[in-house]
PDB file of N, CA and C in Angstrom:
ATOM      1  N   MET A   1       8.677 -33.188  53.079  1.00  0.00           N
ATOM      2  CA  MET A   1       8.886 -34.066  52.044  1.00  0.00           C
ATOM      3  C   MET A   1       9.937 -35.165  52.397  1.00  0.00           C
ATOM      4  N   GLN A   2       9.749 -36.316  52.143  1.00  0.00           N
ATOM      5  CA  GLN A   2      10.772 -37.376  52.453  1.00  0.00           C
ATOM      6  C   GLN A   2      11.952 -37.238  51.542  1.00  0.00           C
ATOM      7  N   LEU A   3      13.160 -37.555  51.955  1.00  0.00           N
ATOM      8  CA  LEU A   3      14.364 -37.559  51.199  1.00  0.00           C
ATOM      9  C   LEU A   3      14.198 -38.336  49.905  1.00  0.00           C
ATOM     10  N   ARG A   4      13.703 -39.600  50.002  1.00  0.00           N
ATOM     11  CA  ARG A   4      13.629 -40.523  48.900  1.00  0.00           C
ATOM     12  C   ARG A   4      12.758 -39.751  47.818  1.00  0.00           C
ATOM     13  N   ALA A   5      11.637 -39.169  48.162  1.00  0.00           N
ATOM     14  CA  ALA A   5      10.816 -38.496  47.120  1.00  0.00           C
ATOM     15  C   ALA A   5      11.524 -37.325  46.441  1.00  0.00           C
ATOM     16  N   TYR A   6      12.298 -36.559  47.303  1.00  0.00           N
ATOM     17  CA  TYR A   6      13.052 -35.475  46.772  1.00  0.00           C
ATOM     18  C   TYR A   6      14.086 -35.983  45.836  1.00  0.00           C
ATOM     19  N   ARG A   7      14.768 -36.985  46.288  1.00  0.00           N
ATOM     20  CA  ARG A   7      15.892 -37.539  45.484  1.00  0.00           C
ATOM     21  C   ARG A   7      15.339 -38.017  44.063  1.00  0.00           C
ATOM     22  N   LYS A   8      14.316 -38.708  44.201  1.00  0.00           N
ATOM     23  CA  LYS A   8      13.598 -39.282  42.828  1.00  0.00           C
ATOM     24  C   LYS A   8      13.190 -38.080  42.002  1.00  0.00           C
ATOM     25  N   LEU A   9      12.580 -37.128  42.623  1.00  0.00           N
ATOM     26  CA  LEU A   9      12.132 -35.898  41.884  1.00  0.00           C
ATOM     27  C   LEU A   9      13.147 -35.171  41.133  1.00  0.00           C
ATOM     28  N   THR A  10      14.346 -35.186  41.802  1.00  0.00           N
ATOM     29  CA  THR A  10      15.463 -34.403  41.199  1.00  0.00           C
ATOM     30  C   THR A  10      16.481 -35.210  40.418  1.00  0.00           C
ATOM     31  N   GLY A  11      16.308 -36.491  40.502  1.00  0.00           N
ATOM     32  CA  GLY A  11      17.105 -37.483  39.727  1.00  0.00           C
ATOM     33  C   GLY A  11      18.385 -37.783  40.459  1.00  0.00           C
ATOM     34  N   LEU A  12      18.669 -37.314  41.645  1.00  0.00           N
ATOM     35  CA  LEU A  12      19.899 -37.586  42.378  1.00  0.00           C
ATOM     36  C   LEU A  12      20.023 -39.086  42.695  1.00  0.00           C
ATOM     37  N   THR A  13      21.196 -39.746  42.731  1.00  0.00           N
ATOM     38  CA  THR A  13      21.389 -41.033  43.170  1.00  0.00           C
ATOM     39  C   THR A  13      21.692 -41.053  44.678  1.00  0.00           C
ATOM     40  N   LEU A  14      21.694 -42.200  45.173  1.00  0.00           N
ATOM     41  CA  LEU A  14      22.062 -42.367  46.671  1.00  0.00           C
ATOM     42  C   LEU A  14      23.570 -42.014  46.757  1.00  0.00           C
ATOM     43  N   ASP A  15      24.415 -42.457  45.737  1.00  0.00           N
ATOM     44  CA  ASP A  15      25.782 -42.157  45.786  1.00  0.00           C
ATOM     45  C   ASP A  15      26.007 -40.562  45.765  1.00  0.00           C
ATOM     46  N   GLN A  16      25.325 -39.945  44.936  1.00  0.00           N
ATOM     47  CA  GLN A  16      25.445 -38.461  44.787  1.00  0.00           C
ATOM     48  C   GLN A  16      25.090 -37.679  46.172  1.00  0.00           C
ATOM     49  N   VAL A  17      23.982 -38.188  46.689  1.00  0.00           N
ATOM     50  CA  VAL A  17      23.593 -37.562  47.948  1.00  0.00           C
ATOM     51  C   VAL A  17      24.649 -37.853  49.018  1.00  0.00           C
ATOM     52  N   ALA A  18      25.088 -39.049  49.076  1.00  0.00           N
ATOM     53  CA  ALA A  18      26.100 -39.460  50.115  1.00  0.00           C
ATOM     54  C   ALA A  18      27.300 -38.491  49.905  1.00  0.00           C
ATOM     55  N   GLU A  19      27.809 -38.323  48.707  1.00  0.00           N
ATOM     56  CA  GLU A  19      28.964 -37.401  48.490  1.00  0.00           C
ATOM     57  C   GLU A  19      28.734 -36.010  48.890  1.00  0.00           C
ATOM     58  N   ILE A  20      27.544 -35.443  48.508  1.00  0.00           N
ATOM     59  CA  ILE A  20      27.150 -34.104  48.797  1.00  0.00           C
ATOM     60  C   ILE A  20      27.078 -33.783  50.219  1.00  0.00           C
ATOM     61  N   VAL A  21      26.407 -34.748  51.005  1.00  0.00           N
ATOM     62  CA  VAL A  21      26.102 -34.499  52.359  1.00  0.00           C
ATOM     63  C   VAL A  21      27.258 -34.969  53.229  1.00  0.00           C
ATOM     64  N   GLY A  22      28.229 -35.801  52.703  1.00  0.00           N
ATOM     65  CA  GLY A  22      29.383 -36.159  53.401  1.00  0.00           C
ATOM     66  C   GLY A  22      29.152 -37.443  54.361  1.00  0.00           C
ATOM     67  N   VAL A  23      28.277 -38.275  54.000  1.00  0.00           N
ATOM     68  CA  VAL A  23      28.177 -39.561  54.771  1.00  0.00           C
ATOM     69  C   VAL A  23      29.065 -40.558  54.096  1.00  0.00           C
ATOM     70  N   ALA A  24      29.192 -41.640  54.863  1.00  0.00           N
ATOM     71  CA  ALA A  24      30.173 -42.711  54.395  1.00  0.00           C
ATOM     72  C   ALA A  24      29.961 -43.259  53.025  1.00  0.00           C
ATOM     73  N   ASN A  25      28.691 -43.537  52.679  1.00  0.00           N
ATOM     74  CA  ASN A  25      28.351 -44.194  51.454  1.00  0.00           C
ATOM     75  C   ASN A  25      26.848 -44.109  51.077  1.00  0.00           C
ATOM     76  N   ALA A  26      26.489 -44.735  50.041  1.00  0.00           N
ATOM     77  CA  ALA A  26      25.020 -44.658  49.602  1.00  0.00           C
ATOM     78  C   ALA A  26      24.107 -45.552  50.595  1.00  0.00           C
ATOM     79  N   SER A  27      24.811 -46.609  51.181  1.00  0.00           N
ATOM     80  CA  SER A  27      24.049 -47.361  52.131  1.00  0.00           C
ATOM     81  C   SER A  27      23.534 -46.644  53.326  1.00  0.00           C
ATOM     82  N   VAL A  28      24.320 -45.625  53.767  1.00  0.00           N
ATOM     83  CA  VAL A  28      24.024 -44.850  54.856  1.00  0.00           C
ATOM     84  C   VAL A  28      22.792 -43.933  54.489  1.00  0.00           C
ATOM     85  N   VAL A  29      22.772 -43.425  53.344  1.00  0.00           N
ATOM     86  CA  VAL A  29      21.650 -42.584  52.817  1.00  0.00           C
ATOM     87  C   VAL A  29      20.374 -43.442  52.707  1.00  0.00           C
ATOM     88  N   SER A  30      20.527 -44.618  52.168  1.00  0.00           N
ATOM     89  CA  SER A  30      19.427 -45.586  52.038  1.00  0.00           C
ATOM     90  C   SER A  30      18.862 -45.916  53.439  1.00  0.00           C
ATOM     91  N   ARG A  31      19.728 -46.169  54.458  1.00  0.00           N
ATOM     92  CA  ARG A  31      19.147 -46.376  55.778  1.00  0.00           C
ATOM     93  C   ARG A  31      18.449 -45.301  56.328  1.00  0.00           C
ATOM     94  N   HIS A  32      18.908 -43.992  56.046  1.00  0.00           N
ATOM     95  CA  HIS A  32      18.229 -42.803  56.496  1.00  0.00           C
ATOM     96  C   HIS A  32      16.885 -42.771  55.752  1.00  0.00           C
ATOM     97  N   GLU A  33      16.829 -42.926  54.584  1.00  0.00           N
ATOM     98  CA  GLU A  33      15.567 -42.840  53.743  1.00  0.00           C
ATOM     99  C   GLU A  33      14.543 -43.813  54.271  1.00  0.00           C
ATOM    100  N   ARG A  34      14.977 -45.045  54.607  1.00  0.00           N
ATOM    101  CA  ARG A  34      13.985 -46.018  55.086  1.00  0.00           C
ATOM    102  C   ARG A  34      13.678 -45.945  56.611  1.00  0.00           C
ATOM    103  N   GLY A  35      14.330 -45.051  57.240  1.00  0.00           N
ATOM    104  CA  GLY A  35      14.060 -44.873  58.714  1.00  0.00           C
ATOM    105  C   GLY A  35      14.796 -45.935  59.509  1.00  0.00           C
ATOM    106  N   VAL A  36      15.680 -46.719  58.978  1.00  0.00           N
ATOM    107  CA  VAL A  36      16.364 -47.792  59.722  1.00  0.00           C
ATOM    108  C   VAL A  36      17.379 -47.201  60.618  1.00  0.00           C
ATOM    109  N   GLN A  37      18.008 -45.971  60.290  1.00  0.00           N
ATOM    110  CA  GLN A  37      18.874 -45.319  61.032  1.00  0.00           C
ATOM    111  C   GLN A  37      18.611 -43.832  60.971  1.00  0.00           C
ATOM    112  N   ARG A  38      18.523 -43.126  62.079  1.00  0.00           N
ATOM    113  CA  ARG A  38      18.114 -41.756  62.033  1.00  0.00           C
ATOM    114  C   ARG A  38      19.468 -41.053  61.963  1.00  0.00           C
ATOM    115  N   PRO A  39      19.362 -39.960  60.960  1.00  0.00           N
ATOM    116  CA  PRO A  39      20.643 -39.223  60.830  1.00  0.00           C
ATOM    117  C   PRO A  39      20.974 -38.279  62.015  1.00  0.00           C
ATOM    118  N   GLU A  40      22.249 -38.021  62.267  1.00  0.00           N
ATOM    119  CA  GLU A  40      22.635 -37.120  63.316  1.00  0.00           C
ATOM    120  C   GLU A  40      22.183 -35.788  62.975  1.00  0.00           C
ATOM    121  N   THR A  41      22.011 -34.897  63.917  1.00  0.00           N
ATOM    122  CA  THR A  41      21.443 -33.430  63.807  1.00  0.00           C
ATOM    123  C   THR A  41      22.212 -32.751  62.609  1.00  0.00           C
ATOM    124  N   GLU A  42      23.528 -32.784  62.622  1.00  0.00           N
ATOM    125  CA  GLU A  42      24.346 -32.163  61.589  1.00  0.00           C
ATOM    126  C   GLU A  42      24.005 -32.713  60.110  1.00  0.00           C
ATOM    127  N   THR A  43      23.800 -34.025  60.096  1.00  0.00           N
ATOM    128  CA  THR A  43      23.460 -34.564  58.814  1.00  0.00           C
ATOM    129  C   THR A  43      22.061 -34.149  58.372  1.00  0.00           C
ATOM    130  N   VAL A  44      21.084 -34.076  59.320  1.00  0.00           N
ATOM    131  CA  VAL A  44      19.747 -33.584  59.022  1.00  0.00           C
ATOM    132  C   VAL A  44      19.880 -32.120  58.450  1.00  0.00           C
ATOM    133  N   GLU A  45      20.723 -31.293  59.063  1.00  0.00           N
ATOM    134  CA  GLU A  45      20.963 -29.906  58.475  1.00  0.00           C
ATOM    135  C   GLU A  45      21.451 -29.944  57.071  1.00  0.00           C
ATOM    136  N   LYS A  46      22.397 -30.915  56.800  1.00  0.00           N
ATOM    137  CA  LYS A  46      23.006 -30.976  55.563  1.00  0.00           C
ATOM    138  C   LYS A  46      21.951 -31.490  54.487  1.00  0.00           C
ATOM    139  N   TYR A  47      21.079 -32.407  54.957  1.00  0.00           N
ATOM    140  CA  TYR A  47      19.938 -32.854  54.049  1.00  0.00           C
ATOM    141  C   TYR A  47      19.125 -31.596  53.717  1.00  0.00           C
ATOM    142  N   ARG A  48      18.740 -30.805  54.756  1.00  0.00           N
ATOM    143  CA  ARG A  48      17.896 -29.665  54.552  1.00  0.00           C
ATOM    144  C   ARG A  48      18.550 -28.610  53.665  1.00  0.00           C
ATOM    145  N   ASP A  49      19.776 -28.388  53.741  1.00  0.00           N
ATOM    146  CA  ASP A  49      20.588 -27.529  52.920  1.00  0.00           C
ATOM    147  C   ASP A  49      20.601 -28.068  51.421  1.00  0.00           C
ATOM    148  N   LEU A  50      20.848 -29.288  51.220  1.00  0.00           N
ATOM    149  CA  LEU A  50      20.813 -30.004  49.922  1.00  0.00           C
ATOM    150  C   LEU A  50      19.464 -29.784  49.341  1.00  0.00           C
ATOM    151  N   THR A  51      18.390 -29.875  49.968  1.00  0.00           N
ATOM    152  CA  THR A  51      16.998 -29.761  49.315  1.00  0.00           C
ATOM    153  C   THR A  51      16.382 -28.456  49.480  1.00  0.00           C
ATOM    154  N   ASP A  52      17.216 -27.484  49.792  1.00  0.00           N
ATOM    155  CA  ASP A  52      16.644 -26.118  49.937  1.00  0.00           C
ATOM    156  C   ASP A  52      15.486 -26.063  50.900  1.00  0.00           C
ATOM    157  N   GLY A  53      15.603 -26.751  51.946  1.00  0.00           N
ATOM    158  CA  GLY A  53      14.467 -26.733  52.939  1.00  0.00           C
ATOM    159  C   GLY A  53      13.326 -27.660  52.799  1.00  0.00           C
ATOM    160  N   ALA A  54      13.351 -28.377  51.650  1.00  0.00           N
ATOM    161  CA  ALA A  54      12.326 -29.347  51.379  1.00  0.00           C
ATOM    162  C   ALA A  54      12.170 -30.480  52.348  1.00  0.00           C
ATOM    163  N   VAL A  55      13.349 -30.967  52.822  1.00  0.00           N
ATOM    164  CA  VAL A  55      13.337 -32.036  53.763  1.00  0.00           C
ATOM    165  C   VAL A  55      13.899 -31.430  55.163  1.00  0.00           C
ATOM    166  N   THR A  56      12.949 -31.591  56.206  1.00  0.00           N
ATOM    167  CA  THR A  56      13.258 -30.868  57.467  1.00  0.00           C
ATOM    168  C   THR A  56      13.307 -31.912  58.555  1.00  0.00           C
ATOM    169  N   GLU A  57      13.698 -31.441  59.841  1.00  0.00           N
ATOM    170  CA  GLU A  57      13.719 -32.325  60.980  1.00  0.00           C
ATOM    171  C   GLU A  57      12.304 -32.884  61.150  1.00  0.00           C
ATOM    172  N   ARG A  58      11.276 -32.215  60.841  1.00  0.00           N
ATOM    173  CA  ARG A  58       9.965 -32.706  61.011  1.00  0.00           C
ATOM    174  C   ARG A  58       9.650 -34.009  60.149  1.00  0.00           C
ATOM    175  N   ASP A  59      10.251 -34.003  58.990  1.00  0.00           N
ATOM    176  CA  ASP A  59      10.046 -35.066  58.091  1.00  0.00           C
ATOM    177  C   ASP A  59      10.710 -36.383  58.574  1.00  0.00           C
ATOM    178  N   TRP A  60      12.005 -36.171  59.221  1.00  0.00           N
ATOM    179  CA  TRP A  60      12.591 -37.253  59.816  1.00  0.00           C
ATOM    180  C   TRP A  60      11.849 -37.860  60.969  1.00  0.00           C
ATOM    181  N   HIS A  61      11.141 -36.879  61.791  1.00  0.00           N
ATOM    182  CA  HIS A  61      10.309 -37.354  62.957  1.00  0.00           C
ATOM    183  C   HIS A  61       9.140 -38.179  62.356  1.00  0.00           C
ATOM    184  N   GLU A  62       8.503 -37.569  61.348  1.00  0.00           N
ATOM    185  CA  GLU A  62       7.281 -38.373  60.742  1.00  0.00           C
ATOM    186  C   GLU A  62       7.777 -39.733  60.261  1.00  0.00           C
ATOM    187  N   LEU A  63       8.856 -39.784  59.682  1.00  0.00           N
ATOM    188  CA  LEU A  63       9.403 -41.047  59.185  1.00  0.00           C
ATOM    189  C   LEU A  63       9.617 -42.096  60.318  1.00  0.00           C
ATOM    190  N   SER A  64      10.229 -41.586  61.423  1.00  0.00           N
ATOM    191  CA  SER A  64      10.443 -42.478  62.467  1.00  0.00           C
ATOM    192  C   SER A  64       9.138 -43.051  63.126  1.00  0.00           C
ATOM    193  N   LEU A  65       8.120 -42.179  63.148  1.00  0.00           N
ATOM    194  CA  LEU A  65       6.829 -42.552  63.552  1.00  0.00           C
ATOM    195  C   LEU A  65       6.216 -43.621  62.705  1.00  0.00           C
ATOM    196  N   GLN A  66       6.311 -43.363  61.394  1.00  0.00           N
ATOM    197  CA  GLN A  66       5.863 -44.273  60.426  1.00  0.00           C
ATOM    198  C   GLN A  66       6.513 -45.777  60.564  1.00  0.00           C
ATOM    199  N   VAL A  67       7.780 -45.679  60.652  1.00  0.00           N
ATOM    200  CA  VAL A  67       8.485 -46.919  60.807  1.00  0.00           C
ATOM    201  C   VAL A  67       8.112 -47.660  62.143  1.00  0.00           C
ATOM    202  N   ARG A  68       8.082 -46.990  63.145  1.00  0.00           N
ATOM    203  CA  ARG A  68       7.515 -47.451  64.452  1.00  0.00           C
ATOM    204  C   ARG A  68       6.129 -48.114  64.451  1.00  0.00           C
ATOM    205  N   GLU A  69       5.288 -47.408  63.696  1.00  0.00           N
ATOM    206  CA  GLU A  69       3.828 -47.941  63.504  1.00  0.00           C
ATOM    207  C   GLU A  69       3.874 -49.250  62.773  1.00  0.00           C
ATOM    208  N   LYS A  70       4.693 -49.281  61.724  1.00  0.00           N
ATOM    209  CA  LYS A  70       4.832 -50.586  60.870  1.00  0.00           C
ATOM    210  C   LYS A  70       5.344 -51.629  61.557  1.00  0.00           C
ATOM    211  N   SER A  71       6.501 -51.431  62.344  1.00  0.00           N
ATOM    212  CA  SER A  71       7.029 -52.451  63.154  1.00  0.00           C
ATOM    213  C   SER A  71       6.043 -52.991  64.237  1.00  0.00           C
ATOM    214  N   SER A  72       5.298 -52.096  64.728  1.00  0.00           N
ATOM    215  CA  SER A  72       4.166 -52.500  65.892  1.00  0.00           C
ATOM    216  C   SER A  72       3.161 -53.362  65.221  1.00  0.00           C
ATOM    217  N   ALA A  73       2.807 -52.926  64.069  1.00  0.00           N
ATOM    218  CA  ALA A  73       1.777 -53.709  63.277  1.00  0.00           C
ATOM    219  C   ALA A  73       2.218 -55.018  62.959  1.00  0.00           C
ATOM    220  N   ALA A  74       3.516 -55.196  62.569  1.00  0.00           N
ATOM    221  CA  ALA A  74       4.109 -56.399  62.222  1.00  0.00           C
ATOM    222  C   ALA A  74       4.421 -57.351  63.233  1.00  0.00           C
ATOM    223  N   GLU A  75       4.481 -56.792  64.490  1.00  0.00           N
ATOM    224  CA  GLU A  75       4.754 -57.790  65.639  1.00  0.00           C
ATOM    225  C   GLU A  75       3.584 -58.648  65.872  1.00  0.00           C
ATOM    226  N   PRO A  76       3.845 -59.935  66.044  1.00  0.00           N
ATOM    227  CA  PRO A  76       2.715 -60.955  66.418  1.00  0.00           C
ATOM    228  C   PRO A  76       2.104 -60.638  67.749  1.00  0.00           C
ATOM    229  N   GLN A  77       0.906 -60.778  67.880  1.00  0.00           N
ATOM    230  CA  GLN A  77       0.220 -60.538  69.185  1.00  0.00           C
ATOM    231  C   GLN A  77       0.587 -61.704  70.113  1.00  0.00           C
ATOM    232  N   THR A  78       0.776 -61.342  71.483  1.00  0.00           N
ATOM    233  CA  THR A  78       0.883 -62.365  72.429  1.00  0.00           C
ATOM    234  C   THR A  78      -0.298 -63.228  72.628  1.00  0.00           C
ATOM    235  N   LYS A  79      -0.192 -64.406  73.103  1.00  0.00           N
ATOM    236  CA  LYS A  79      -1.295 -65.219  73.321  1.00  0.00           C
ATOM    237  C   LYS A  79      -2.382 -64.591  74.285  1.00  0.00           C
ATOM    238  N   GLU A  80      -1.844 -63.925  75.275  1.00  0.00           N
ATOM    239  CA  GLU A  80      -2.754 -63.262  76.235  1.00  0.00           C
ATOM    240  C   GLU A  80      -3.521 -62.112  75.494  1.00  0.00           C
ATOM    241  N   ALA A  81      -2.880 -61.443  74.622  1.00  0.00           N
ATOM    242  CA  ALA A  81      -3.629 -60.333  73.956  1.00  0.00           C
ATOM    243  C   ALA A  81      -4.544 -60.885  72.970  1.00  0.00           C
ATOM    244  N   SER A  82      -4.269 -61.991  72.312  1.00  0.00           N
ATOM    245  CA  SER A  82      -5.253 -62.428  71.304  1.00  0.00           C
ATOM    246  C   SER A  82      -6.383 -63.131  71.863  1.00  0.00           C
ATOM    247  N   SER A  83      -6.256 -63.600  73.186  1.00  0.00           N
ATOM    248  CA  SER A  83      -7.457 -64.283  73.766  1.00  0.00           C
ATOM    249  C   SER A  83      -8.330 -63.434  74.457  1.00  0.00           C
ATOM    250  N   ALA A  84      -7.984 -62.094  74.637  1.00  0.00           N
ATOM    251  CA  ALA A  84      -8.813 -61.167  75.297  1.00  0.00           C
ATOM    252  C   ALA A  84      -9.975 -60.576  74.600  1.00  0.00           C
TER     253      ALA A  84
END
């Protein structure tokens, strides 16, 4: 389960999660949720504890793959690739 889905399901705010997990602020949690910044291993463990195991290392890996796919799809093709 993705952290954002868990957070919405439980009604937790970004600020609350940041405080519980011990990251700097809600912006850090938001960057983690969107896959813009991957959390450190210790933080992943804290997210797992917060969610009683609903959010795991595998979820972070899947999120990073999704972000990578989206960014690859959004990149314009080079002239060489589009003429082939």
